[in-house]
Amino acid sequence: MSKSKTRWMIVAGLALLVSAGAWLAVQKGVLKIGASAEQKKEQPPLAFAASDVVRLAPHRLSVELAMPGTVQAFNQATVRSKLSAEVRRLPVREGDRVAAGQVIAEFDTAQLRNQLAERQATLESARATLAQTERTRASNAQLVKQSFISQNAFDTADDAFRAQAAAVQAAEAQVAQTQLLLSDAVVRAPIAGQVAKRFVQPGEKVPFDAPLLHIVDLSRLEVQAQAPVADVARIAEGAEVEVEIEGLAGRPYPGRIDRINPTTEAGSRMIAVYILLPNDDGRLRGGMFARVRLQIGGEAAVPSLPVTAVQDDRGQRYVWIIADGKLARRNVGTGVRDERLQRIEITSGLTEAEQVIGTKFDNLREGMLANIVSAEPKVAARSSLAMTR
């Protein structure tokens, strides 16, 4: 046999061996793929415990509205000067308690007393002149009846009497005005409470209507809170609220909405809401910052689910349900979310009979086999999910 023929036979044999090896490798891969597919087909369904499954249930849901505010005295007054004079005495200072009607300031009245004496003298002179003109008028009245004087002469005497009577009334008014100023020189507290601010010092001369003292009554307080315009329609007078005071954490105070401002605050578009607040222990002070919490809604029961059952995908809410032994993703509409109950209203997309996965699991996919078991609630489901990763 020639060398070239021998070489050709060797090459052909090697090619045959390579082809056979490749065929065996392909067959082994096909068998492996088939075995993997068969293994997947034989994978057990996801097992969820009965506690993992929830259904729509009616609950009264409410939303908590938080409103910032400031504590202020329900009764407070700024006492102002009713005359222009020098402050002679100011016996109270900031923090002092005062009773209603208590003397809290006195003005120097020397000038007013002199003015009163002068006006009283003027009044006496006017009254004496009035008496004289009255006698003249009475005498002329008799004379005109006897035709000793003309009617014009009597009318002149009558006019003089009337003019003097008016002068007496004017003098009496001036005396009364001076007496009123003298009484205003002694300033009394309009309400009972504590002095919050003293604006002047003894010896200062103040003009009319100048502020002297600011008095607050801390026995009854109120919170002026700010509510958004969009929420005012759901706030009712008389509603019970909880008030948290800055610096007194951990102790909410009960309050009640007393009134609602009919107009918005300029520049903020917020509505002022006033909440009555008890201060039995005297710990609250005017000017403290507060946060008012109000529960809105809850009048009627609505279908709801636990918040853990509802998931979000780019703004679309959805849940996982078990239907015909398989998982199905169901888009739902939602409404009120109650943070205290940790439930959320479902407005569309579900019926009360459908079984919803109430706990969040990873790697859930549409069409996965699933059933409900009574033992090992979440271990079975999670182990099955781990096998799919």
Protein backbone atom coordinates (compact mmCIF):
# COMPACT_ATOMS: atom_id res chain seq x y z
CA MET A 1 0.00 0.00 0.00
CA SER A 2 1.36 3.41 -0.92
CA LYS A 3 2.19 6.03 1.67
CA SER A 4 -0.35 8.54 0.31
CA LYS A 5 -3.20 6.06 0.56
CA THR A 6 -2.24 5.17 4.11
CA ARG A 7 -2.18 8.82 5.09
CA TRP A 8 -5.63 9.38 3.60
CA MET A 9 -7.11 6.46 5.54
CA ILE A 10 -5.70 7.83 8.79
CA VAL A 11 -7.22 11.29 8.15
CA ALA A 12 -10.58 9.76 7.32
CA GLY A 13 -10.55 7.73 10.53
CA LEU A 14 -9.77 10.76 12.62
CA ALA A 15 -12.60 12.71 10.99
CA LEU A 16 -14.97 9.86 11.72
CA LEU A 17 -13.93 9.82 15.38
CA VAL A 18 -14.41 13.61 15.68
CA SER A 19 -17.88 13.41 14.13
CA ALA A 20 -18.89 10.62 16.49
CA GLY A 21 -17.66 12.62 19.50
CA ALA A 22 -19.58 15.67 18.43
CA TRP A 23 -22.75 13.63 17.97
CA LEU A 24 -22.38 12.15 21.44
CA ALA A 25 -21.85 15.63 22.95
CA VAL A 26 -24.98 16.96 21.24
CA GLN A 27 -27.02 14.02 22.48
CA LYS A 28 -25.73 14.50 26.01
CA GLY A 29 -26.71 18.21 25.90
CA VAL A 30 -30.18 17.37 24.66
CA LEU A 31 -30.58 14.84 27.42
CA LYS A 32 -29.36 17.41 29.97
CA ILE A 33 -31.80 20.07 28.70
CA GLY A 34 -34.60 17.55 28.76
CA ALA A 35 -33.71 16.54 32.29
CA SER A 36 -33.64 20.22 33.38
CA ALA A 37 -37.03 20.86 31.79
CA GLU A 38 -38.38 17.74 33.39
CA GLN A 39 -36.96 18.89 36.72
CA LYS A 40 -38.70 22.24 36.31
CA LYS A 41 -41.94 20.53 35.48
CA GLU A 42 -41.63 18.52 38.61
CA GLN A 43 -40.96 21.60 40.83
CA PRO A 44 -43.52 21.66 43.69
CA PRO A 45 -46.01 24.55 43.91
CA LEU A 46 -45.46 27.46 46.27
CA ALA A 47 -47.01 26.78 49.64
CA PHE A 48 -48.60 29.68 51.56
CA ALA A 49 -50.01 29.44 55.05
CA ALA A 50 -53.56 30.47 55.76
CA SER A 51 -52.17 33.42 57.75
CA ASP A 52 -50.44 34.66 54.57
CA VAL A 53 -53.75 34.93 52.74
CA VAL A 54 -56.23 37.76 53.31
CA ARG A 55 -59.54 38.88 51.83
CA LEU A 56 -61.32 42.20 51.52
CA ALA A 57 -62.90 43.16 54.83
CA PRO A 58 -64.92 46.25 55.84
CA HIS A 59 -63.23 48.64 58.27
CA ARG A 60 -63.74 52.22 59.33
CA LEU A 61 -60.64 53.94 58.04
CA SER A 62 -59.51 57.42 58.96
CA VAL A 63 -56.74 59.77 57.92
CA GLU A 64 -54.66 61.69 60.45
CA LEU A 65 -54.35 65.39 59.68
CA ALA A 66 -51.42 67.12 61.40
CA MET A 67 -51.59 70.90 61.78
CA PRO A 68 -48.86 73.14 63.24
CA GLY A 69 -49.92 75.82 65.66
CA THR A 70 -49.10 78.09 68.59
CA VAL A 71 -50.49 78.07 72.11
CA GLN A 72 -52.08 81.32 73.21
CA ALA A 73 -54.29 82.49 76.06
CA PHE A 74 -58.01 82.41 75.34
CA ASN A 75 -58.47 85.52 77.53
CA GLN A 76 -55.80 88.19 77.26
CA ALA A 77 -55.75 91.96 77.31
CA THR A 78 -53.33 94.77 76.58
CA VAL A 79 -54.01 97.58 79.04
CA ARG A 80 -53.56 101.02 77.46
CA SER A 81 -53.38 104.54 78.79
CA LYS A 82 -56.60 106.53 78.57
CA LEU A 83 -54.88 109.86 79.12
CA SER A 84 -51.60 111.61 78.45
CA ALA A 85 -49.78 111.89 81.77
CA GLU A 86 -46.81 110.74 83.85
CA VAL A 87 -46.87 107.25 85.35
CA ARG A 88 -46.57 107.72 89.10
CA ARG A 89 -46.86 104.12 90.29
CA LEU A 90 -46.67 100.69 88.60
CA PRO A 91 -46.77 98.03 91.34
CA VAL A 92 -46.74 94.85 89.17
CA ARG A 93 -44.08 93.25 86.99
CA GLU A 94 -43.85 90.35 84.52
CA GLY A 95 -45.03 87.09 86.06
CA ASP A 96 -47.08 88.70 88.83
CA ARG A 97 -50.63 87.47 89.27
CA VAL A 98 -53.39 90.05 89.30
CA ALA A 99 -57.09 89.89 90.12
CA ALA A 100 -59.83 91.50 88.07
CA GLY A 101 -60.28 95.09 89.29
CA GLN A 102 -56.90 95.26 91.05
CA VAL A 103 -55.00 98.54 90.76
CA ILE A 104 -52.06 97.96 88.43
CA ALA A 105 -50.99 101.56 87.61
CA GLU A 106 -51.53 105.14 88.72
CA PHE A 107 -50.88 108.43 86.93
CA ASP A 108 -49.92 111.82 88.36
CA THR A 109 -53.20 113.77 88.74
CA ALA A 110 -52.03 117.20 89.98
CA GLN A 111 -52.85 118.91 86.69
CA LEU A 112 -56.21 117.15 86.44
CA ARG A 113 -57.19 118.17 89.97
CA ASN A 114 -56.43 121.81 89.18
CA GLN A 115 -58.41 121.52 85.97
CA LEU A 116 -61.34 120.01 87.87
CA ALA A 117 -61.34 122.85 90.41
CA GLU A 118 -61.32 125.43 87.61
CA ARG A 119 -64.19 123.77 85.75
CA GLN A 120 -66.24 123.35 88.90
CA ALA A 121 -65.87 127.09 89.55
CA THR A 122 -66.97 127.82 86.01
CA LEU A 123 -69.98 125.57 86.53
CA GLU A 124 -70.99 127.39 89.73
CA SER A 125 -70.72 130.76 87.98
CA ALA A 126 -72.84 129.50 85.09
CA ARG A 127 -75.48 128.19 87.50
CA ALA A 128 -75.64 131.56 89.30
CA THR A 129 -76.09 133.41 86.02
CA LEU A 130 -78.76 130.88 85.02
CA ALA A 131 -80.69 131.60 88.22
CA GLN A 132 -80.57 135.33 87.51
CA THR A 133 -81.76 134.95 83.92
CA GLU A 134 -84.51 132.61 85.10
CA ARG A 135 -85.82 135.28 87.53
CA THR A 136 -85.70 137.90 84.79
CA ARG A 137 -87.60 135.65 82.41
CA ALA A 138 -90.29 134.91 85.03
CA SER A 139 -90.72 138.63 85.81
CA ASN A 140 -91.00 139.53 82.12
CA ALA A 141 -93.59 136.80 81.67
CA GLN A 142 -95.85 138.55 84.23
CA LEU A 143 -95.24 141.96 82.67
CA VAL A 144 -96.06 140.82 79.15
CA LYS A 145 -99.36 139.41 80.40
CA GLN A 146 -100.20 142.84 81.88
CA SER A 147 -99.06 144.55 78.65
CA PHE A 148 -96.40 146.55 80.50
CA ILE A 149 -93.67 145.32 78.10
CA SER A 150 -93.71 144.14 74.52
CA GLN A 151 -93.53 140.53 73.38
CA ASN A 152 -90.11 141.21 71.88
CA ALA A 153 -88.75 142.19 75.28
CA PHE A 154 -89.99 138.93 76.78
CA ASP A 155 -88.51 136.92 73.90
CA THR A 156 -85.13 138.52 74.54
CA ALA A 157 -85.23 137.51 78.20
CA ASP A 158 -86.34 133.99 77.25
CA ASP A 159 -83.48 133.59 74.76
CA ALA A 160 -80.98 134.73 77.41
CA PHE A 161 -82.33 132.12 79.82
CA ARG A 162 -82.09 129.31 77.26
CA ALA A 163 -78.53 130.29 76.29
CA GLN A 164 -77.44 130.28 79.92
CA ALA A 165 -79.05 126.88 80.52
CA ALA A 166 -76.98 125.49 77.63
CA ALA A 167 -73.87 127.09 79.12
CA VAL A 168 -74.57 125.30 82.41
CA GLN A 169 -74.93 121.97 80.60
CA ALA A 170 -71.60 122.54 78.82
CA ALA A 171 -69.87 123.33 82.13
CA GLU A 172 -71.36 120.21 83.71
CA ALA A 173 -70.04 118.10 80.79
CA GLN A 174 -66.55 119.54 81.22
CA VAL A 175 -66.60 118.73 84.93
CA ALA A 176 -67.80 115.18 84.21
CA GLN A 177 -65.06 114.72 81.60
CA THR A 178 -62.38 115.82 84.06
CA GLN A 179 -63.76 113.52 86.72
CA LEU A 180 -63.64 110.65 84.21
CA LEU A 181 -60.00 111.44 83.44
CA LEU A 182 -59.26 111.40 87.17
CA SER A 183 -60.86 107.97 87.47
CA ASP A 184 -58.86 106.79 84.43
CA ALA A 185 -55.70 107.91 86.21
CA VAL A 186 -56.12 104.82 88.40
CA VAL A 187 -55.73 101.79 86.10
CA ARG A 188 -57.37 98.51 87.11
CA ALA A 189 -56.88 95.02 85.69
CA PRO A 190 -59.69 94.15 83.25
CA ILE A 191 -59.22 90.38 83.76
CA ALA A 192 -57.59 88.03 86.25
CA GLY A 193 -54.31 86.49 85.14
CA GLN A 194 -50.58 87.08 84.99
CA VAL A 195 -48.60 90.02 83.72
CA ALA A 196 -46.87 88.90 80.53
CA LYS A 197 -45.31 92.22 79.52
CA ARG A 198 -44.70 95.60 81.14
CA PHE A 199 -44.17 98.32 78.55
CA VAL A 200 -43.42 101.38 80.75
CA GLN A 201 -41.61 102.31 83.94
CA PRO A 202 -42.65 104.65 86.78
CA GLY A 203 -41.76 108.27 86.01
CA GLU A 204 -42.31 107.98 82.25
CA LYS A 205 -44.76 110.29 80.56
CA VAL A 206 -46.91 108.36 78.13
CA PRO A 207 -49.28 109.58 75.41
CA PHE A 208 -52.93 108.66 75.07
CA ASP A 209 -53.53 104.99 74.10
CA ALA A 210 -49.96 103.94 74.89
CA PRO A 211 -49.62 100.25 75.98
CA LEU A 212 -48.93 99.81 79.69
CA LEU A 213 -49.25 96.10 80.51
CA HIS A 214 -50.19 92.84 78.78
CA ILE A 215 -52.17 90.38 80.94
CA VAL A 216 -52.88 86.74 80.03
CA ASP A 217 -55.18 84.22 81.68
CA LEU A 218 -53.48 80.80 81.45
CA SER A 219 -56.34 78.90 83.05
CA ARG A 220 -57.94 78.54 79.63
CA LEU A 221 -55.77 78.24 76.53
CA GLU A 222 -56.29 77.75 72.85
CA VAL A 223 -54.10 76.64 69.96
CA GLN A 224 -54.21 78.63 66.74
CA ALA A 225 -53.42 75.98 64.13
CA GLN A 226 -52.99 76.32 60.38
CA ALA A 227 -54.97 73.96 58.14
CA PRO A 228 -54.66 73.64 54.34
CA VAL A 229 -57.63 74.94 52.40
CA ALA A 230 -58.14 71.50 50.82
CA ASP A 231 -58.73 69.89 54.25
CA VAL A 232 -60.95 72.52 55.84
CA ALA A 233 -64.14 71.01 54.39
CA ARG A 234 -63.45 67.84 56.41
CA ILE A 235 -62.83 69.68 59.70
CA ALA A 236 -65.86 70.21 61.91
CA GLU A 237 -66.34 72.41 64.98
CA GLY A 238 -66.52 70.36 68.15
CA ALA A 239 -64.25 67.58 66.83
CA GLU A 240 -61.91 66.01 69.39
CA VAL A 241 -58.16 66.33 68.71
CA GLU A 242 -54.83 65.50 70.30
CA VAL A 243 -52.29 68.27 70.82
CA GLU A 244 -48.57 67.62 71.16
CA ILE A 245 -46.60 70.45 72.79
CA GLU A 246 -42.96 71.05 71.94
CA GLY A 247 -40.87 70.44 75.05
CA LEU A 248 -43.54 68.20 76.62
CA ALA A 249 -43.04 65.15 74.43
CA GLY A 250 -44.84 61.93 75.22
CA ARG A 251 -47.87 63.61 76.76
CA PRO A 252 -50.57 64.58 74.26
CA TYR A 253 -53.24 66.96 75.54
CA PRO A 254 -56.90 66.45 74.61
CA GLY A 255 -58.50 69.39 72.84
CA ARG A 256 -61.64 70.39 70.99
CA ILE A 257 -62.06 72.52 67.86
CA ASP A 258 -63.85 75.68 68.99
CA ARG A 259 -64.10 77.70 65.79
CA ILE A 260 -62.76 77.97 62.23
CA ASN A 261 -61.72 81.22 60.58
CA PRO A 262 -63.95 82.02 57.58
CA THR A 263 -61.09 83.49 55.53
CA THR A 264 -57.56 82.42 54.60
CA GLU A 265 -54.40 83.94 56.00
CA ALA A 266 -52.93 86.50 53.63
CA GLY A 267 -49.95 85.12 51.72
CA SER A 268 -50.16 81.55 53.03
CA ARG A 269 -53.55 80.34 51.75
CA MET A 270 -54.06 78.58 55.09
CA ILE A 271 -57.12 78.61 57.34
CA ALA A 272 -56.77 79.36 61.06
CA VAL A 273 -58.39 76.71 63.27
CA TYR A 274 -58.78 77.39 67.01
CA ILE A 275 -58.61 74.51 69.50
CA LEU A 276 -59.59 74.88 73.15
CA LEU A 277 -56.97 73.37 75.45
CA PRO A 278 -57.21 72.68 79.19
CA ASN A 279 -54.33 73.74 81.43
CA ASP A 280 -55.26 72.20 84.75
CA ASP A 281 -51.67 71.52 85.78
CA GLY A 282 -50.44 74.96 84.70
CA ARG A 283 -47.53 73.56 82.66
CA LEU A 284 -48.55 75.18 79.40
CA ARG A 285 -47.45 78.69 78.49
CA GLY A 286 -48.45 81.11 75.79
CA GLY A 287 -46.27 81.02 72.69
CA MET A 288 -45.41 77.29 72.88
CA PHE A 289 -45.30 75.48 69.56
CA ALA A 290 -47.89 72.75 69.13
CA ARG A 291 -48.90 70.06 66.63
CA VAL A 292 -52.58 69.23 66.40
CA ARG A 293 -53.56 65.73 65.26
CA LEU A 294 -57.09 65.19 63.96
CA GLN A 295 -58.58 61.93 62.72
CA ILE A 296 -60.68 62.55 59.59
CA GLY A 297 -63.17 60.03 58.21
CA GLY A 298 -64.21 56.70 59.67
CA GLU A 299 -67.95 57.38 59.49
CA ALA A 300 -68.67 54.29 57.34
CA ALA A 301 -66.90 50.96 56.84
CA VAL A 302 -65.15 50.50 53.49
CA PRO A 303 -63.53 47.37 51.91
CA SER A 304 -59.85 47.29 52.80
CA LEU A 305 -56.69 45.17 52.90
CA PRO A 306 -53.55 45.28 55.05
CA VAL A 307 -51.03 47.72 53.58
CA THR A 308 -48.51 44.84 53.27
CA ALA A 309 -50.75 43.19 50.66
CA VAL A 310 -50.68 46.14 48.26
CA GLN A 311 -47.56 46.85 46.19
CA ASP A 312 -46.66 49.66 43.87
CA ASP A 313 -45.15 49.54 40.39
CA ARG A 314 -44.45 53.03 39.04
CA GLY A 315 -47.65 54.43 40.47
CA GLN A 316 -49.84 51.41 39.70
CA ARG A 317 -51.07 49.57 42.79
CA TYR A 318 -51.42 45.79 42.52
CA VAL A 319 -51.83 42.63 44.61
CA TRP A 320 -51.03 38.93 44.14
CA ILE A 321 -53.98 36.55 44.28
CA ILE A 322 -54.26 32.76 44.19
CA ALA A 323 -56.74 31.69 41.51
CA ASP A 324 -57.15 28.10 40.24
CA GLY A 325 -53.95 27.02 42.00
CA LYS A 326 -51.81 29.70 40.32
CA LEU A 327 -50.52 33.16 41.13
CA ALA A 328 -52.09 36.10 39.31
CA ARG A 329 -51.22 39.77 39.47
CA ARG A 330 -54.26 42.02 39.84
CA ASN A 331 -54.23 45.82 39.48
CA VAL A 332 -56.40 47.57 42.09
CA GLY A 333 -57.66 51.05 42.88
CA THR A 334 -56.95 52.42 46.35
CA GLY A 335 -58.40 55.12 48.57
CA VAL A 336 -57.92 56.10 52.21
CA ARG A 337 -54.86 54.73 54.01
CA ASP A 338 -55.19 54.40 57.79
CA GLU A 339 -51.74 54.51 59.39
CA ARG A 340 -53.02 53.49 62.81
CA LEU A 341 -54.79 50.36 61.56
CA GLN A 342 -52.21 49.78 58.80
CA ARG A 343 -55.00 49.17 56.30
CA ILE A 344 -55.79 50.68 52.91
CA GLU A 345 -59.12 51.09 51.14
CA ILE A 346 -59.61 49.09 47.91
CA THR A 347 -61.96 50.88 45.55
CA SER A 348 -61.78 48.57 42.51
CA GLY A 349 -60.19 45.45 41.07
CA LEU A 350 -61.07 42.87 43.76
CA THR A 351 -64.02 40.95 45.15
CA GLU A 352 -64.49 39.73 48.71
CA ALA A 353 -64.16 36.08 47.63
CA GLU A 354 -60.68 36.38 46.11
CA GLN A 355 -57.66 35.18 48.07
CA VAL A 356 -54.90 37.80 48.32
CA ILE A 357 -51.30 37.25 49.41
CA GLY A 358 -51.11 39.49 52.46
CA THR A 359 -47.32 39.33 52.94
CA LYS A 360 -44.68 40.64 50.57
CA PHE A 361 -42.54 37.92 48.92
CA ASP A 362 -39.73 38.31 46.39
CA ASN A 363 -39.57 36.65 42.95
CA LEU A 364 -43.29 36.05 42.57
CA ARG A 365 -44.24 35.58 38.91
CA GLU A 366 -47.48 35.33 37.01
CA GLY A 367 -48.64 31.75 36.58
CA MET A 368 -46.60 30.15 39.36
CA LEU A 369 -48.26 27.15 40.97
CA ALA A 370 -49.44 27.95 44.48
CA ASN A 371 -51.60 26.45 47.18
CA ILE A 372 -52.53 27.12 50.80
CA VAL A 373 -51.31 24.89 53.62
CA SER A 374 -52.03 24.95 57.31
CA ALA A 375 -48.52 24.19 58.67
CA GLU A 376 -45.15 25.96 58.35
CA PRO A 377 -46.73 29.14 57.12
CA LYS A 378 -43.96 31.10 55.47
CA VAL A 379 -41.10 28.57 55.43
CA ALA A 380 -42.67 26.49 52.69
CA ALA A 381 -43.32 29.44 50.46
CA ARG A 382 -39.89 30.96 50.95
CA SER A 383 -38.05 27.65 50.40
CA SER A 384 -39.99 27.14 47.19
CA LEU A 385 -39.18 30.66 46.10
CA ALA A 386 -35.50 30.06 46.85
CA MET A 387 -35.46 27.10 44.48
CA THR A 388 -36.58 29.34 41.62
CA ARG A 389 -33.75 31.83 41.96
